[in-house]
């Protein structure tokens, strides 16, 4: 239905461009918040993919707004070099789908 936007560092942006995503935005600490706020308010995106490095550049309040957004859905991609997953799969499923993967398992 809506379009996909990618916001991040050079590697993430170029990777998505190679996959055919046209709306990609390379940002720095000065432009990260403004770019994300602009993309959220446009109403034309159903998914915004944001790199973990950009997540560190924005304020806590904007981060919370992005993490709680469903339309558009904002997903933070972990840095490839990081061994830590930013948002566990179970939490992502609960936030996006409303499904608790852990329920009934223990």
PDB file of N, CA and C in Angstrom:
ATOM      1  N   UNK A   1       0.832  -1.183   0.000  1.00  0.00           N
ATOM      2  CA  UNK A   1       0.000   0.000   0.000  1.00  0.00           C
ATOM      3  C   UNK A   1       0.876   1.245   0.000  1.00  0.00           C
ATOM      4  N   UNK A   2       1.652   1.463   1.066  1.00  0.00           N
ATOM      5  CA  UNK A   2       2.529   2.612   1.138  1.00  0.00           C
ATOM      6  C   UNK A   2       3.930   2.277   0.671  1.00  0.00           C
ATOM      7  N   UNK A   3       4.757   3.257   0.707  1.00  0.00           N
ATOM      8  CA  UNK A   3       6.127   3.093   0.262  1.00  0.00           C
ATOM      9  C   UNK A   3       7.039   2.762   1.446  1.00  0.00           C
ATOM     10  N   UNK A   4       8.249   2.371   1.100  1.00  0.00           N
ATOM     11  CA  UNK A   4       9.276   2.066   2.090  1.00  0.00           C
ATOM     12  C   UNK A   4      10.346   3.139   2.019  1.00  0.00           C
ATOM     13  N   UNK A   5      10.768   3.628   3.188  1.00  0.00           N
ATOM     14  CA  UNK A   5      11.872   4.576   3.283  1.00  0.00           C
ATOM     15  C   UNK A   5      12.962   3.945   4.136  1.00  0.00           C
ATOM     16  N   UNK A   6      14.194   4.252   3.805  1.00  0.00           N
ATOM     17  CA  UNK A   6      15.338   3.751   4.557  1.00  0.00           C
ATOM     18  C   UNK A   6      16.183   4.943   4.985  1.00  0.00           C
ATOM     19  N   UNK A   7      16.497   4.996   6.277  1.00  0.00           N
ATOM     20  CA  UNK A   7      17.283   6.094   6.831  1.00  0.00           C
ATOM     21  C   UNK A   7      18.481   5.488   7.547  1.00  0.00           C
ATOM     22  N   UNK A   8      19.663   5.912   7.164  1.00  0.00           N
ATOM     23  CA  UNK A   8      20.809   5.339   7.847  1.00  0.00           C
ATOM     24  C   UNK A   8      22.142   5.762   7.305  1.00  0.00           C
ATOM     25  N   UNK A   9      23.102   4.921   7.628  1.00  0.00           N
ATOM     26  CA  UNK A   9      24.464   5.167   7.181  1.00  0.00           C
ATOM     27  C   UNK A   9      24.624   4.685   5.739  1.00  0.00           C
ATOM     28  N   UNK A  10      25.764   4.956   5.199  1.00  0.00           N
ATOM     29  CA  UNK A  10      26.029   4.686   3.794  1.00  0.00           C
ATOM     30  C   UNK A  10      25.787   3.223   3.402  1.00  0.00           C
ATOM     31  N   UNK A  11      26.288   2.290   4.204  1.00  0.00           N
ATOM     32  CA  UNK A  11      26.182   0.873   3.865  1.00  0.00           C
ATOM     33  C   UNK A  11      24.726   0.415   3.810  1.00  0.00           C
ATOM     34  N   UNK A  12      23.937   0.812   4.800  1.00  0.00           N
ATOM     35  CA  UNK A  12      22.532   0.416   4.829  1.00  0.00           C
ATOM     36  C   UNK A  12      21.777   1.017   3.646  1.00  0.00           C
ATOM     37  N   UNK A  13      21.988   2.288   3.410  1.00  0.00           N
ATOM     38  CA  UNK A  13      21.293   2.985   2.331  1.00  0.00           C
ATOM     39  C   UNK A  13      21.654   2.379   0.974  1.00  0.00           C
ATOM     40  N   UNK A  14      22.930   2.156   0.719  1.00  0.00           N
ATOM     41  CA  UNK A  14      23.321   1.588  -0.568  1.00  0.00           C
ATOM     42  C   UNK A  14      22.805   0.161  -0.732  1.00  0.00           C
ATOM     43  N   UNK A  15      22.784  -0.603   0.349  1.00  0.00           N
ATOM     44  CA  UNK A  15      22.254  -1.962   0.278  1.00  0.00           C
ATOM     45  C   UNK A  15      20.795  -1.980  -0.145  1.00  0.00           C
ATOM     46  N   UNK A  16      20.001  -1.101   0.431  1.00  0.00           N
ATOM     47  CA  UNK A  16      18.584  -1.041   0.062  1.00  0.00           C
ATOM     48  C   UNK A  16      18.396  -0.459  -1.335  1.00  0.00           C
ATOM     49  N   UNK A  17      19.259   0.440  -1.738  1.00  0.00           N
ATOM     50  CA  UNK A  17      19.171   0.963  -3.113  1.00  0.00           C
ATOM     51  C   UNK A  17      19.412  -0.156  -4.113  1.00  0.00           C
ATOM     52  N   UNK A  18      20.374  -1.036  -3.797  1.00  0.00           N
ATOM     53  CA  UNK A  18      20.657  -2.167  -4.685  1.00  0.00           C
ATOM     54  C   UNK A  18      19.467  -3.118  -4.775  1.00  0.00           C
ATOM     55  N   UNK A  19      18.637  -3.151  -3.731  1.00  0.00           N
ATOM     56  CA  UNK A  19      17.443  -3.998  -3.742  1.00  0.00           C
ATOM     57  C   UNK A  19      16.256  -3.303  -4.410  1.00  0.00           C
ATOM     58  N   UNK A  20      16.437  -2.064  -4.855  1.00  0.00           N
ATOM     59  CA  UNK A  20      15.385  -1.374  -5.580  1.00  0.00           C
ATOM     60  C   UNK A  20      14.590  -0.362  -4.778  1.00  0.00           C
ATOM     61  N   UNK A  21      14.960  -0.141  -3.518  1.00  0.00           N
ATOM     62  CA  UNK A  21      14.264   0.870  -2.717  1.00  0.00           C
ATOM     63  C   UNK A  21      14.807   2.235  -3.111  1.00  0.00           C
ATOM     64  N   UNK A  22      13.935   3.100  -3.589  1.00  0.00           N
ATOM     65  CA  UNK A  22      14.363   4.406  -4.087  1.00  0.00           C
ATOM     66  C   UNK A  22      14.435   5.481  -3.007  1.00  0.00           C
ATOM     67  N   UNK A  23      13.551   5.407  -2.023  1.00  0.00           N
ATOM     68  CA  UNK A  23      13.488   6.447  -0.998  1.00  0.00           C
ATOM     69  C   UNK A  23      14.450   6.127   0.142  1.00  0.00           C
ATOM     70  N   UNK A  24      15.700   6.481  -0.080  1.00  0.00           N
ATOM     71  CA  UNK A  24      16.745   6.242   0.916  1.00  0.00           C
ATOM     72  C   UNK A  24      17.365   7.567   1.307  1.00  0.00           C
ATOM     73  N   UNK A  25      17.734   7.675   2.587  1.00  0.00           N
ATOM     74  CA  UNK A  25      18.230   8.935   3.110  1.00  0.00           C
ATOM     75  C   UNK A  25      19.444   8.695   3.991  1.00  0.00           C
ATOM     76  N   UNK A  26      20.585   9.231   3.581  1.00  0.00           N
ATOM     77  CA  UNK A  26      21.777   9.198   4.419  1.00  0.00           C
ATOM     78  C   UNK A  26      21.720  10.424   5.323  1.00  0.00           C
ATOM     79  N   UNK A  27      21.889  10.211   6.619  1.00  0.00           N
ATOM     80  CA  UNK A  27      21.778  11.314   7.564  1.00  0.00           C
ATOM     81  C   UNK A  27      23.019  11.377   8.450  1.00  0.00           C
ATOM     82  N   UNK A  28      23.174  12.536   9.074  1.00  0.00           N
ATOM     83  CA  UNK A  28      24.217  12.744  10.070  1.00  0.00           C
ATOM     84  C   UNK A  28      23.517  13.197  11.350  1.00  0.00           C
ATOM     85  N   UNK A  29      24.246  13.368  12.438  1.00  0.00           N
ATOM     86  CA  UNK A  29      23.581  13.761  13.694  1.00  0.00           C
ATOM     87  C   UNK A  29      22.743  15.035  13.593  1.00  0.00           C
ATOM     88  N   UNK A  30      23.115  15.960  12.715  1.00  0.00           N
ATOM     89  CA  UNK A  30      22.371  17.212  12.581  1.00  0.00           C
ATOM     90  C   UNK A  30      21.057  17.037  11.825  1.00  0.00           C
ATOM     91  N   UNK A  31      21.014  16.108  10.881  1.00  0.00           N
ATOM     92  CA  UNK A  31      19.818  15.968  10.040  1.00  0.00           C
ATOM     93  C   UNK A  31      18.938  14.778  10.394  1.00  0.00           C
ATOM     94  N   UNK A  32      19.373  13.901  11.269  1.00  0.00           N
ATOM     95  CA  UNK A  32      18.633  12.665  11.558  1.00  0.00           C
ATOM     96  C   UNK A  32      17.222  12.928  12.072  1.00  0.00           C
ATOM     97  N   UNK A  33      17.087  13.740  13.113  1.00  0.00           N
ATOM     98  CA  UNK A  33      15.771  13.996  13.704  1.00  0.00           C
ATOM     99  C   UNK A  33      14.827  14.677  12.720  1.00  0.00           C
ATOM    100  N   UNK A  34      15.336  15.655  12.004  1.00  0.00           N
ATOM    101  CA  UNK A  34      14.503  16.383  11.046  1.00  0.00           C
ATOM    102  C   UNK A  34      14.023  15.463   9.928  1.00  0.00           C
ATOM    103  N   UNK A  35      14.912  14.621   9.419  1.00  0.00           N
ATOM    104  CA  UNK A  35      14.544  13.697   8.343  1.00  0.00           C
ATOM    105  C   UNK A  35      13.484  12.713   8.810  1.00  0.00           C
ATOM    106  N   UNK A  36      13.672  12.123   9.985  1.00  0.00           N
ATOM    107  CA  UNK A  36      12.704  11.148  10.496  1.00  0.00           C
ATOM    108  C   UNK A  36      11.347  11.786  10.784  1.00  0.00           C
ATOM    109  N   UNK A  37      11.355  12.959  11.371  1.00  0.00           N
ATOM    110  CA  UNK A  37      10.101  13.661  11.658  1.00  0.00           C
ATOM    111  C   UNK A  37       9.360  13.979  10.363  1.00  0.00           C
ATOM    112  N   UNK A  38      10.098  14.412   9.359  1.00  0.00           N
ATOM    113  CA  UNK A  38       9.517  14.713   8.052  1.00  0.00           C
ATOM    114  C   UNK A  38       8.904  13.461   7.428  1.00  0.00           C
ATOM    115  N   UNK A  39       9.617  12.342   7.447  1.00  0.00           N
ATOM    116  CA  UNK A  39       9.110  11.109   6.858  1.00  0.00           C
ATOM    117  C   UNK A  39       7.859  10.616   7.579  1.00  0.00           C
ATOM    118  N   UNK A  40       7.846  10.748   8.904  1.00  0.00           N
ATOM    119  CA  UNK A  40       6.689  10.320   9.689  1.00  0.00           C
ATOM    120  C   UNK A  40       5.441  11.147   9.338  1.00  0.00           C
ATOM    121  N   UNK A  41       5.633  12.430   9.121  1.00  0.00           N
ATOM    122  CA  UNK A  41       4.489  13.316   8.899  1.00  0.00           C
ATOM    123  C   UNK A  41       3.959  13.290   7.469  1.00  0.00           C
ATOM    124  N   UNK A  42       4.711  12.767   6.527  1.00  0.00           N
ATOM    125  CA  UNK A  42       4.279  12.763   5.120  1.00  0.00           C
ATOM    126  C   UNK A  42       3.039  11.915   4.860  1.00  0.00           C
ATOM    127  N   UNK A  43       2.914  10.804   5.558  1.00  0.00           N
ATOM    128  CA  UNK A  43       1.768   9.925   5.350  1.00  0.00           C
ATOM    129  C   UNK A  43       1.854   9.050   4.123  1.00  0.00           C
ATOM    130  N   UNK A  44       2.981   9.002   3.456  1.00  0.00           N
ATOM    131  CA  UNK A  44       3.100   8.179   2.250  1.00  0.00           C
ATOM    132  C   UNK A  44       3.892   6.898   2.471  1.00  0.00           C
ATOM    133  N   UNK A  45       4.439   6.708   3.672  1.00  0.00           N
ATOM    134  CA  UNK A  45       5.255   5.524   3.951  1.00  0.00           C
ATOM    135  C   UNK A  45       4.535   4.579   4.899  1.00  0.00           C
ATOM    136  N   UNK A  46       4.593   3.303   4.581  1.00  0.00           N
ATOM    137  CA  UNK A  46       4.034   2.300   5.489  1.00  0.00           C
ATOM    138  C   UNK A  46       5.140   1.662   6.322  1.00  0.00           C
ATOM    139  N   UNK A  47       6.387   1.753   5.856  1.00  0.00           N
ATOM    140  CA  UNK A  47       7.527   1.191   6.574  1.00  0.00           C
ATOM    141  C   UNK A  47       8.711   2.136   6.467  1.00  0.00           C
ATOM    142  N   UNK A  48       9.330   2.412   7.611  1.00  0.00           N
ATOM    143  CA  UNK A  48      10.566   3.191   7.636  1.00  0.00           C
ATOM    144  C   UNK A  48      11.609   2.336   8.339  1.00  0.00           C
ATOM    145  N   UNK A  49      12.667   2.006   7.624  1.00  0.00           N
ATOM    146  CA  UNK A  49      13.768   1.219   8.165  1.00  0.00           C
ATOM    147  C   UNK A  49      14.857   2.199   8.580  1.00  0.00           C
ATOM    148  N   UNK A  50      15.302   2.087   9.832  1.00  0.00           N
ATOM    149  CA  UNK A  50      16.280   3.021  10.388  1.00  0.00           C
ATOM    150  C   UNK A  50      17.454   2.225  10.953  1.00  0.00           C
ATOM    151  N   UNK A  51      18.670   2.655  10.657  1.00  0.00           N
ATOM    152  CA  UNK A  51      19.839   1.943  11.188  1.00  0.00           C
ATOM    153  C   UNK A  51      20.014   2.242  12.671  1.00  0.00           C
ATOM    154  N   UNK A  52      20.634   1.310  13.363  1.00  0.00           N
ATOM    155  CA  UNK A  52      20.886   1.464  14.794  1.00  0.00           C
ATOM    156  C   UNK A  52      21.772   2.676  15.067  1.00  0.00           C
ATOM    157  N   UNK A  53      22.651   2.999  14.142  1.00  0.00           N
ATOM    158  CA  UNK A  53      23.518   4.166  14.339  1.00  0.00           C
ATOM    159  C   UNK A  53      22.693   5.455  14.360  1.00  0.00           C
ATOM    160  N   UNK A  54      21.636   5.531  13.560  1.00  0.00           N
ATOM    161  CA  UNK A  54      20.759   6.700  13.560  1.00  0.00           C
ATOM    162  C   UNK A  54      19.942   6.726  14.846  1.00  0.00           C
ATOM    163  N   UNK A  55      19.544   5.570  15.324  1.00  0.00           N
ATOM    164  CA  UNK A  55      18.791   5.483  16.577  1.00  0.00           C
ATOM    165  C   UNK A  55      19.558   6.165  17.707  1.00  0.00           C
ATOM    166  N   UNK A  56      20.862   6.051  17.690  1.00  0.00           N
ATOM    167  CA  UNK A  56      21.700   6.662  18.724  1.00  0.00           C
ATOM    168  C   UNK A  56      21.805   8.178  18.562  1.00  0.00           C
ATOM    169  N   UNK A  57      21.489   8.688  17.382  1.00  0.00           N
ATOM    170  CA  UNK A  57      21.611  10.123  17.095  1.00  0.00           C
ATOM    171  C   UNK A  57      20.401  10.938  17.530  1.00  0.00           C
ATOM    172  N   UNK A  58      19.273  10.276  17.773  1.00  0.00           N
ATOM    173  CA  UNK A  58      18.030  11.010  18.018  1.00  0.00           C
ATOM    174  C   UNK A  58      17.697  11.048  19.512  1.00  0.00           C
ATOM    175  N   UNK A  59      16.826  11.960  19.858  1.00  0.00           N
ATOM    176  CA  UNK A  59      16.438  12.127  21.262  1.00  0.00           C
ATOM    177  C   UNK A  59      15.610  10.943  21.750  1.00  0.00           C
ATOM    178  N   UNK A  60      15.561  10.783  23.042  1.00  0.00           N
ATOM    179  CA  UNK A  60      14.775   9.714  23.655  1.00  0.00           C
ATOM    180  C   UNK A  60      13.294   9.855  23.303  1.00  0.00           C
ATOM    181  N   UNK A  61      12.786  11.078  23.321  1.00  0.00           N
ATOM    182  CA  UNK A  61      11.360  11.276  23.028  1.00  0.00           C
ATOM    183  C   UNK A  61      11.021  10.898  21.584  1.00  0.00           C
ATOM    184  N   UNK A  62      11.878  11.257  20.633  1.00  0.00           N
ATOM    185  CA  UNK A  62      11.631  10.878  19.243  1.00  0.00           C
ATOM    186  C   UNK A  62      11.771   9.364  19.088  1.00  0.00           C
ATOM    187  N   UNK A  63      12.741   8.782  19.750  1.00  0.00           N
ATOM    188  CA  UNK A  63      12.939   7.331  19.694  1.00  0.00           C
ATOM    189  C   UNK A  63      11.682   6.607  20.184  1.00  0.00           C
ATOM    190  N   UNK A  64      11.114   7.068  21.291  1.00  0.00           N
ATOM    191  CA  UNK A  64       9.899   6.452  21.826  1.00  0.00           C
ATOM    192  C   UNK A  64       8.720   6.617  20.865  1.00  0.00           C
ATOM    193  N   UNK A  65       8.624   7.773  20.229  1.00  0.00           N
ATOM    194  CA  UNK A  65       7.555   8.011  19.260  1.00  0.00           C
ATOM    195  C   UNK A  65       7.696   7.051  18.074  1.00  0.00           C
ATOM    196  N   UNK A  66       8.911   6.875  17.597  1.00  0.00           N
ATOM    197  CA  UNK A  66       9.147   5.985  16.469  1.00  0.00           C
ATOM    198  C   UNK A  66       8.867   4.532  16.845  1.00  0.00           C
ATOM    199  N   UNK A  67       9.313   4.133  18.022  1.00  0.00           N
ATOM    200  CA  UNK A  67       9.136   2.751  18.458  1.00  0.00           C
ATOM    201  C   UNK A  67       7.672   2.397  18.706  1.00  0.00           C
ATOM    202  N   UNK A  68       6.865   3.373  19.045  1.00  0.00           N
ATOM    203  CA  UNK A  68       5.451   3.100  19.305  1.00  0.00           C
ATOM    204  C   UNK A  68       4.573   3.289  18.066  1.00  0.00           C
ATOM    205  N   UNK A  69       5.163   3.764  16.985  1.00  0.00           N
ATOM    206  CA  UNK A  69       4.393   4.009  15.763  1.00  0.00           C
ATOM    207  C   UNK A  69       4.027   2.692  15.069  1.00  0.00           C
ATOM    208  N   UNK A  70       2.798   2.638  14.614  1.00  0.00           N
ATOM    209  CA  UNK A  70       2.353   1.478  13.841  1.00  0.00           C
ATOM    210  C   UNK A  70       2.148   1.875  12.382  1.00  0.00           C
ATOM    211  N   UNK A  71       1.704   3.095  12.164  1.00  0.00           N
ATOM    212  CA  UNK A  71       1.558   3.612  10.804  1.00  0.00           C
ATOM    213  C   UNK A  71       2.241   4.958  10.712  1.00  0.00           C
ATOM    214  N   UNK A  72       3.394   5.047  10.156  1.00  0.00           N
ATOM    215  CA  UNK A  72       4.156   3.968   9.553  1.00  0.00           C
ATOM    216  C   UNK A  72       4.855   3.120  10.623  1.00  0.00           C
ATOM    217  N   UNK A  73       5.131   1.897  10.249  1.00  0.00           N
ATOM    218  CA  UNK A  73       5.900   1.012  11.114  1.00  0.00           C
ATOM    219  C   UNK A  73       7.367   1.400  10.982  1.00  0.00           C
ATOM    220  N   UNK A  74       8.027   1.597  12.108  1.00  0.00           N
ATOM    221  CA  UNK A  74       9.446   1.952  12.106  1.00  0.00           C
ATOM    222  C   UNK A  74      10.226   0.784  12.696  1.00  0.00           C
ATOM    223  N   UNK A  75      11.183   0.275  11.926  1.00  0.00           N
ATOM    224  CA  UNK A  75      11.996  -0.855  12.351  1.00  0.00           C
ATOM    225  C   UNK A  75      13.449  -0.411  12.398  1.00  0.00           C
ATOM    226  N   UNK A  76      14.098  -0.650  13.530  1.00  0.00           N
ATOM    227  CA  UNK A  76      15.514  -0.326  13.681  1.00  0.00           C
ATOM    228  C   UNK A  76      16.345  -1.550  13.317  1.00  0.00           C
ATOM    229  N   UNK A  77      17.238  -1.377  12.357  1.00  0.00           N
ATOM    230  CA  UNK A  77      18.114  -2.458  11.908  1.00  0.00           C
ATOM    231  C   UNK A  77      19.407  -2.420  12.706  1.00  0.00           C
ATOM    232  N   UNK A  78      19.797  -3.543  13.314  1.00  0.00           N
ATOM    233  CA  UNK A  78      21.059  -3.576  14.051  1.00  0.00           C
ATOM    234  C   UNK A  78      22.239  -3.370  13.107  1.00  0.00           C
ATOM    235  N   UNK A  79      23.313  -2.800  13.631  1.00  0.00           N
ATOM    236  CA  UNK A  79      24.530  -2.667  12.851  1.00  0.00           C
ATOM    237  C   UNK A  79      25.078  -4.058  12.558  1.00  0.00           C
ATOM    238  N   UNK A  80      25.552  -4.281  11.339  1.00  0.00           N
ATOM    239  CA  UNK A  80      26.081  -5.608  10.998  1.00  0.00           C
ATOM    240  C   UNK A  80      27.238  -6.047  11.905  1.00  0.00           C
ATOM    241  N   UNK A  81      27.998  -5.102  12.391  1.00  0.00           N
ATOM    242  CA  UNK A  81      29.150  -5.444  13.232  1.00  0.00           C
ATOM    243  C   UNK A  81      28.752  -5.712  14.675  1.00  0.00           C
ATOM    244  N   UNK A  82      27.527  -5.355  15.043  1.00  0.00           N
ATOM    245  CA  UNK A  82      27.060  -5.522  16.413  1.00  0.00           C
ATOM    246  C   UNK A  82      26.578  -6.943  16.653  1.00  0.00           C
ATOM    247  N   UNK A  83      26.918  -7.481  17.788  1.00  0.00           N
ATOM    248  CA  UNK A  83      26.460  -8.820  18.158  1.00  0.00           C
ATOM    249  C   UNK A  83      25.163  -8.727  18.969  1.00  0.00           C
ATOM    250  N   UNK A  84      24.756  -7.511  19.313  1.00  0.00           N
ATOM    251  CA  UNK A  84      23.561  -7.297  20.127  1.00  0.00           C
ATOM    252  C   UNK A  84      22.397  -6.935  19.225  1.00  0.00           C
ATOM    253  N   UNK A  85      21.302  -7.652  19.362  1.00  0.00           N
ATOM    254  CA  UNK A  85      20.096  -7.343  18.603  1.00  0.00           C
ATOM    255  C   UNK A  85      19.356  -6.226  19.322  1.00  0.00           C
ATOM    256  N   UNK A  86      19.024  -5.153  18.611  1.00  0.00           N
ATOM    257  CA  UNK A  86      18.407  -3.986  19.229  1.00  0.00           C
ATOM    258  C   UNK A  86      17.039  -4.294  19.822  1.00  0.00           C
ATOM    259  N   UNK A  87      16.176  -4.965  19.076  1.00  0.00           N
ATOM    260  CA  UNK A  87      14.843  -5.285  19.555  1.00  0.00           C
ATOM    261  C   UNK A  87      14.630  -6.779  19.350  1.00  0.00           C
ATOM    262  N   UNK A  88      14.509  -7.532  20.438  1.00  0.00           N
ATOM    263  CA  UNK A  88      14.311  -8.976  20.286  1.00  0.00           C
ATOM    264  C   UNK A  88      13.095  -9.288  19.432  1.00  0.00           C
ATOM    265  N   UNK A  89      13.159 -10.379  18.703  1.00  0.00           N
ATOM    266  CA  UNK A  89      12.094 -10.777  17.791  1.00  0.00           C
ATOM    267  C   UNK A  89      10.756 -10.889  18.511  1.00  0.00           C
ATOM    268  N   UNK A  90      10.757 -11.434  19.720  1.00  0.00           N
ATOM    269  CA  UNK A  90       9.507 -11.588  20.464  1.00  0.00           C
ATOM    270  C   UNK A  90       8.859 -10.234  20.749  1.00  0.00           C
ATOM    271  N   UNK A  91       9.671  -9.237  21.097  1.00  0.00           N
ATOM    272  CA  UNK A  91       9.133  -7.900  21.368  1.00  0.00           C
ATOM    273  C   UNK A  91       8.632  -7.244  20.092  1.00  0.00           C
ATOM    274  N   UNK A  92       9.339  -7.445  18.982  1.00  0.00           N
ATOM    275  CA  UNK A  92       8.911  -6.887  17.704  1.00  0.00           C
ATOM    276  C   UNK A  92       7.568  -7.491  17.288  1.00  0.00           C
ATOM    277  N   UNK A  93       7.419  -8.804  17.433  1.00  0.00           N
ATOM    278  CA  UNK A  93       6.163  -9.466  17.077  1.00  0.00           C
ATOM    279  C   UNK A  93       5.011  -8.959  17.935  1.00  0.00           C
ATOM    280  N   UNK A  94       5.280  -8.750  19.212  1.00  0.00           N
ATOM    281  CA  UNK A  94       4.223  -8.263  20.101  1.00  0.00           C
ATOM    282  C   UNK A  94       3.819  -6.843  19.730  1.00  0.00           C
ATOM    283  N   UNK A  95       4.813  -5.996  19.422  1.00  0.00           N
ATOM    284  CA  UNK A  95       4.535  -4.596  19.082  1.00  0.00           C
ATOM    285  C   UNK A  95       3.806  -4.487  17.748  1.00  0.00           C
ATOM    286  N   UNK A  96       4.263  -5.238  16.752  1.00  0.00           N
ATOM    287  CA  UNK A  96       3.725  -5.098  15.405  1.00  0.00           C
ATOM    288  C   UNK A  96       2.454  -5.917  15.204  1.00  0.00           C
ATOM    289  N   UNK A  97       2.478  -7.164  15.643  1.00  0.00           N
ATOM    290  CA  UNK A  97       1.376  -8.067  15.366  1.00  0.00           C
ATOM    291  C   UNK A  97       0.419  -8.251  16.537  1.00  0.00           C
ATOM    292  N   UNK A  98       0.854  -7.826  17.726  1.00  0.00           N
ATOM    293  CA  UNK A  98       0.035  -8.038  18.908  1.00  0.00           C
ATOM    294  C   UNK A  98       0.066  -9.473  19.392  1.00  0.00           C
ATOM    295  N   UNK A  99       1.099 -10.215  18.981  1.00  0.00           N
ATOM    296  CA  UNK A  99       1.222 -11.620  19.339  1.00  0.00           C
ATOM    297  C   UNK A  99       2.375 -11.798  20.306  1.00  0.00           C
ATOM    298  N   UNK A 100       2.104 -12.447  21.440  1.00  0.00           N
ATOM    299  CA  UNK A 100       3.144 -12.723  22.420  1.00  0.00           C
ATOM    300  C   UNK A 100       3.703 -14.106  22.142  1.00  0.00           C
ATOM    301  N   UNK A 101       4.907 -14.174  21.572  1.00  0.00           N
ATOM    302  CA  UNK A 101       5.517 -15.447  21.201  1.00  0.00           C
ATOM    303  C   UNK A 101       5.885 -16.286  22.420  1.00  0.00           C
ATOM    304  N   UNK A 102       6.019 -15.658  23.567  1.00  0.00           N
ATOM    305  CA  UNK A 102       6.414 -16.355  24.778  1.00  0.00           C
ATOM    306  C   UNK A 102       5.223 -16.938  25.542  1.00  0.00           C
ATOM    307  N   UNK A 103       4.040 -16.488  25.242  1.00  0.00           N
ATOM    308  CA  UNK A 103       2.848 -16.943  25.965  1.00  0.00           C
ATOM    309  C   UNK A 103       2.631 -18.438  25.734  1.00  0.00           C
ATOM    310  N   UNK A 104       2.421 -19.147  26.811  1.00  0.00           N
ATOM    311  CA  UNK A 104       2.147 -20.579  26.709  1.00  0.00           C
ATOM    312  C   UNK A 104       3.388 -21.416  26.557  1.00  0.00           C
ATOM    313  N   UNK A 105       4.534 -20.789  26.332  1.00  0.00           N
ATOM    314  CA  UNK A 105       5.771 -21.527  26.148  1.00  0.00           C
ATOM    315  C   UNK A 105       6.413 -21.961  27.440  1.00  0.00           C
ATOM    316  N   UNK A 106       6.033 -21.301  28.559  1.00  0.00           N
ATOM    317  CA  UNK A 106       6.644 -21.638  29.851  1.00  0.00           C
ATOM    318  C   UNK A 106       5.598 -21.890  30.880  1.00  0.00           C
TER     319      UNK A 106
END
